[in-house]
Amino acid sequence: MVMINPVMRQAALAAGAPPEKLKTVTIGADVSHFTPGPVSAALRARFGLEGRRVVFSPRSITPLYRQGVVVEALSQLPPDVVVMMPGSGPSQTSWRGSSAGPRRWASPTDW
């Protein structure tokens, strides 16, 4: 069984799972290895992102991940902040008319 943190491992052990069957795999990225590269002017131009700050949310667009909260939060952020979501799902169509206003959120069909 794969656990995503030591707390889950301890809970599995307490429930009787055999320790040799458990593997802890921490989610996230090693920032010493995965760091942003230089800004790509061509990529920013392709998406109309010149002079804007980008929040990238690489998840399927489903209620589980609550991306709607991110979209709604845009109305509280400076106008140069945009969100890009490469996933797709039924929730994304309702965001077009949200209180976030004319911000940018993208699905694969936009790319």
C-alpha atoms as a PDB file:
ATOM      1  CA  MET A   1       0.000   0.000   0.000  1.00  0.00           C
ATOM      2  CA  VAL A   2       1.230   3.479  -0.819  1.00  0.00           C
ATOM      3  CA  MET A   3       0.880   6.208   1.786  1.00  0.00           C
ATOM      4  CA  ILE A   4       1.385   9.898   1.005  1.00  0.00           C
ATOM      5  CA  ASN A   5       2.674  10.873   4.460  1.00  0.00           C
ATOM      6  CA  PRO A   6       3.898   9.357   7.737  1.00  0.00           C
ATOM      7  CA  VAL A   7       0.572  10.065   9.480  1.00  0.00           C
ATOM      8  CA  MET A   8      -1.262   7.842   6.992  1.00  0.00           C
ATOM      9  CA  ARG A   9       1.406   5.169   7.455  1.00  0.00           C
ATOM     10  CA  GLN A  10       0.914   5.236  11.227  1.00  0.00           C
ATOM     11  CA  ALA A  11      -2.868   4.993  10.781  1.00  0.00           C
ATOM     12  CA  ALA A  12      -2.450   1.975   8.496  1.00  0.00           C
ATOM     13  CA  LEU A  13      -0.108   0.319  10.981  1.00  0.00           C
ATOM     14  CA  ALA A  14      -2.561   1.008  13.823  1.00  0.00           C
ATOM     15  CA  ALA A  15      -5.293  -0.622  11.719  1.00  0.00           C
ATOM     16  CA  GLY A  16      -3.161  -3.757  11.404  1.00  0.00           C
ATOM     17  CA  ALA A  17      -1.445  -3.338   8.034  1.00  0.00           C
ATOM     18  CA  PRO A  18       1.826  -5.269   7.808  1.00  0.00           C
ATOM     19  CA  PRO A  19       4.763  -2.802   7.785  1.00  0.00           C
ATOM     20  CA  GLU A  20       6.530  -4.617   4.943  1.00  0.00           C
ATOM     21  CA  LYS A  21       3.516  -3.933   2.694  1.00  0.00           C
ATOM     22  CA  LEU A  22       3.598  -0.147   3.252  1.00  0.00           C
ATOM     23  CA  LYS A  23       5.543   2.388   1.218  1.00  0.00           C
ATOM     24  CA  THR A  24       5.522   6.120   1.966  1.00  0.00           C
ATOM     25  CA  VAL A  25       5.755   8.332  -1.113  1.00  0.00           C
ATOM     26  CA  THR A  26       5.655  12.021  -0.254  1.00  0.00           C
ATOM     27  CA  ILE A  27       3.794  14.098  -2.823  1.00  0.00           C
ATOM     28  CA  GLY A  28       5.331  17.315  -4.073  1.00  0.00           C
ATOM     29  CA  ALA A  29       8.430  18.307  -5.970  1.00  0.00           C
ATOM     30  CA  ASP A  30      12.061  18.566  -4.985  1.00  0.00           C
ATOM     31  CA  VAL A  31      12.587  22.298  -5.503  1.00  0.00           C
ATOM     32  CA  SER A  32      16.356  21.815  -5.537  1.00  0.00           C
ATOM     33  CA  HIS A  33      15.864  19.795  -8.737  1.00  0.00           C
ATOM     34  CA  PHE A  34      12.692  21.251 -10.281  1.00  0.00           C
ATOM     35  CA  THR A  35      12.993  25.016 -10.555  1.00  0.00           C
ATOM     36  CA  PRO A  36      11.530  27.499 -13.017  1.00  0.00           C
ATOM     37  CA  GLY A  37      13.631  28.104 -16.084  1.00  0.00           C
ATOM     38  CA  PRO A  38      14.025  31.421 -17.847  1.00  0.00           C
ATOM     39  CA  VAL A  39      10.853  33.235 -18.851  1.00  0.00           C
ATOM     40  CA  SER A  40       9.750  32.344 -22.389  1.00  0.00           C
ATOM     41  CA  ALA A  41       8.541  35.476 -24.153  1.00  0.00           C
ATOM     42  CA  ALA A  42       7.092  33.333 -26.973  1.00  0.00           C
ATOM     43  CA  LEU A  43       5.063  31.219 -24.531  1.00  0.00           C
ATOM     44  CA  ARG A  44       3.790  34.305 -22.691  1.00  0.00           C
ATOM     45  CA  ALA A  45       2.800  35.881 -26.021  1.00  0.00           C
ATOM     46  CA  ARG A  46       1.025  32.698 -27.151  1.00  0.00           C
ATOM     47  CA  PHE A  47      -1.283  32.851 -24.117  1.00  0.00           C
ATOM     48  CA  GLY A  48      -1.508  36.639 -23.797  1.00  0.00           C
ATOM     49  CA  LEU A  49       0.374  36.635 -20.504  1.00  0.00           C
ATOM     50  CA  GLU A  50       2.799  39.493 -21.034  1.00  0.00           C
ATOM     51  CA  GLY A  51       3.059  41.526 -17.817  1.00  0.00           C
ATOM     52  CA  ARG A  52       0.877  39.097 -15.861  1.00  0.00           C
ATOM     53  CA  ARG A  53       1.493  36.795 -12.912  1.00  0.00           C
ATOM     54  CA  VAL A  54       0.391  33.201 -13.454  1.00  0.00           C
ATOM     55  CA  VAL A  55      -1.086  30.666 -11.038  1.00  0.00           C
ATOM     56  CA  PHE A  56      -0.841  27.200 -12.603  1.00  0.00           C
ATOM     57  CA  SER A  57      -3.216  24.483 -11.360  1.00  0.00           C
ATOM     58  CA  PRO A  58      -2.341  21.139 -13.010  1.00  0.00           C
ATOM     59  CA  ARG A  59      -5.328  19.044 -11.910  1.00  0.00           C
ATOM     60  CA  SER A  60      -8.434  17.523 -13.411  1.00  0.00           C
ATOM     61  CA  ILE A  61     -11.265  20.012 -13.078  1.00  0.00           C
ATOM     62  CA  THR A  62     -13.520  18.224 -10.622  1.00  0.00           C
ATOM     63  CA  PRO A  63     -15.236  19.230  -7.373  1.00  0.00           C
ATOM     64  CA  LEU A  64     -12.656  17.156  -5.461  1.00  0.00           C
ATOM     65  CA  TYR A  65      -9.900  19.701  -6.167  1.00  0.00           C
ATOM     66  CA  ARG A  66     -12.100  22.790  -5.614  1.00  0.00           C
ATOM     67  CA  GLN A  67     -10.640  24.868  -8.460  1.00  0.00           C
ATOM     68  CA  GLY A  68     -13.785  26.983  -8.303  1.00  0.00           C
ATOM     69  CA  VAL A  69     -12.425  28.433  -5.065  1.00  0.00           C
ATOM     70  CA  VAL A  70      -9.293  29.522  -6.950  1.00  0.00           C
ATOM     71  CA  VAL A  71     -11.361  31.127  -9.705  1.00  0.00           C
ATOM     72  CA  GLU A  72     -13.556  32.961  -7.196  1.00  0.00           C
ATOM     73  CA  ALA A  73     -10.455  34.128  -5.283  1.00  0.00           C
ATOM     74  CA  LEU A  74      -9.281  35.926  -8.423  1.00  0.00           C
ATOM     75  CA  SER A  75     -11.808  38.664  -7.718  1.00  0.00           C
ATOM     76  CA  GLN A  76      -9.771  39.484  -4.576  1.00  0.00           C
ATOM     77  CA  LEU A  77      -6.395  39.518  -6.344  1.00  0.00           C
ATOM     78  CA  PRO A  78      -4.748  42.247  -8.437  1.00  0.00           C
ATOM     79  CA  PRO A  79      -5.894  42.311 -12.072  1.00  0.00           C
ATOM     80  CA  ASP A  80      -2.517  41.105 -13.383  1.00  0.00           C
ATOM     81  CA  VAL A  81      -3.014  37.662 -11.768  1.00  0.00           C
ATOM     82  CA  VAL A  82      -4.330  34.909 -14.050  1.00  0.00           C
ATOM     83  CA  VAL A  83      -5.012  31.188 -13.583  1.00  0.00           C
ATOM     84  CA  MET A  84      -4.196  28.474 -16.089  1.00  0.00           C
ATOM     85  CA  MET A  85      -5.769  25.045 -15.636  1.00  0.00           C
ATOM     86  CA  PRO A  86      -4.763  22.419 -18.189  1.00  0.00           C
ATOM     87  CA  GLY A  87      -7.401  19.961 -17.000  1.00  0.00           C
ATOM     88  CA  SER A  88     -10.947  19.705 -18.256  1.00  0.00           C
ATOM     89  CA  GLY A  89     -14.236  18.891 -16.622  1.00  0.00           C
ATOM     90  CA  PRO A  90     -17.864  19.913 -16.195  1.00  0.00           C
ATOM     91  CA  SER A  91     -17.150  22.696 -13.664  1.00  0.00           C
ATOM     92  CA  GLN A  92     -15.096  24.884 -15.977  1.00  0.00           C
ATOM     93  CA  THR A  93     -18.008  26.135 -18.070  1.00  0.00           C
ATOM     94  CA  SER A  94     -19.665  27.744 -15.026  1.00  0.00           C
ATOM     95  CA  TRP A  95     -16.578  29.870 -14.361  1.00  0.00           C
ATOM     96  CA  ARG A  96     -16.828  31.910 -17.543  1.00  0.00           C
ATOM     97  CA  GLY A  97     -19.453  34.158 -15.924  1.00  0.00           C
ATOM     98  CA  SER A  98     -18.062  34.086 -12.378  1.00  0.00           C
ATOM     99  CA  SER A  99     -17.305  37.059 -10.165  1.00  0.00           C
ATOM    100  CA  ALA A 100     -13.644  36.723 -11.172  1.00  0.00           C
ATOM    101  CA  GLY A 101     -14.469  38.852 -14.194  1.00  0.00           C
ATOM    102  CA  PRO A 102     -12.552  38.723 -17.467  1.00  0.00           C
ATOM    103  CA  ARG A 103      -9.623  36.696 -16.148  1.00  0.00           C
ATOM    104  CA  ARG A 104      -7.863  33.909 -17.966  1.00  0.00           C
ATOM    105  CA  TRP A 105      -8.303  30.243 -17.200  1.00  0.00           C
ATOM    106  CA  ALA A 106      -7.458  27.777 -19.897  1.00  0.00           C
ATOM    107  CA  SER A 107      -8.383  24.232 -20.735  1.00  0.00           C
ATOM    108  CA  PRO A 108      -6.636  22.051 -23.368  1.00  0.00           C
ATOM    109  CA  THR A 109      -9.168  23.143 -25.989  1.00  0.00           C
ATOM    110  CA  ASP A 110      -7.962  26.739 -25.510  1.00  0.00           C
ATOM    111  CA  TRP A 111      -4.375  25.682 -26.198  1.00  0.00           C
END
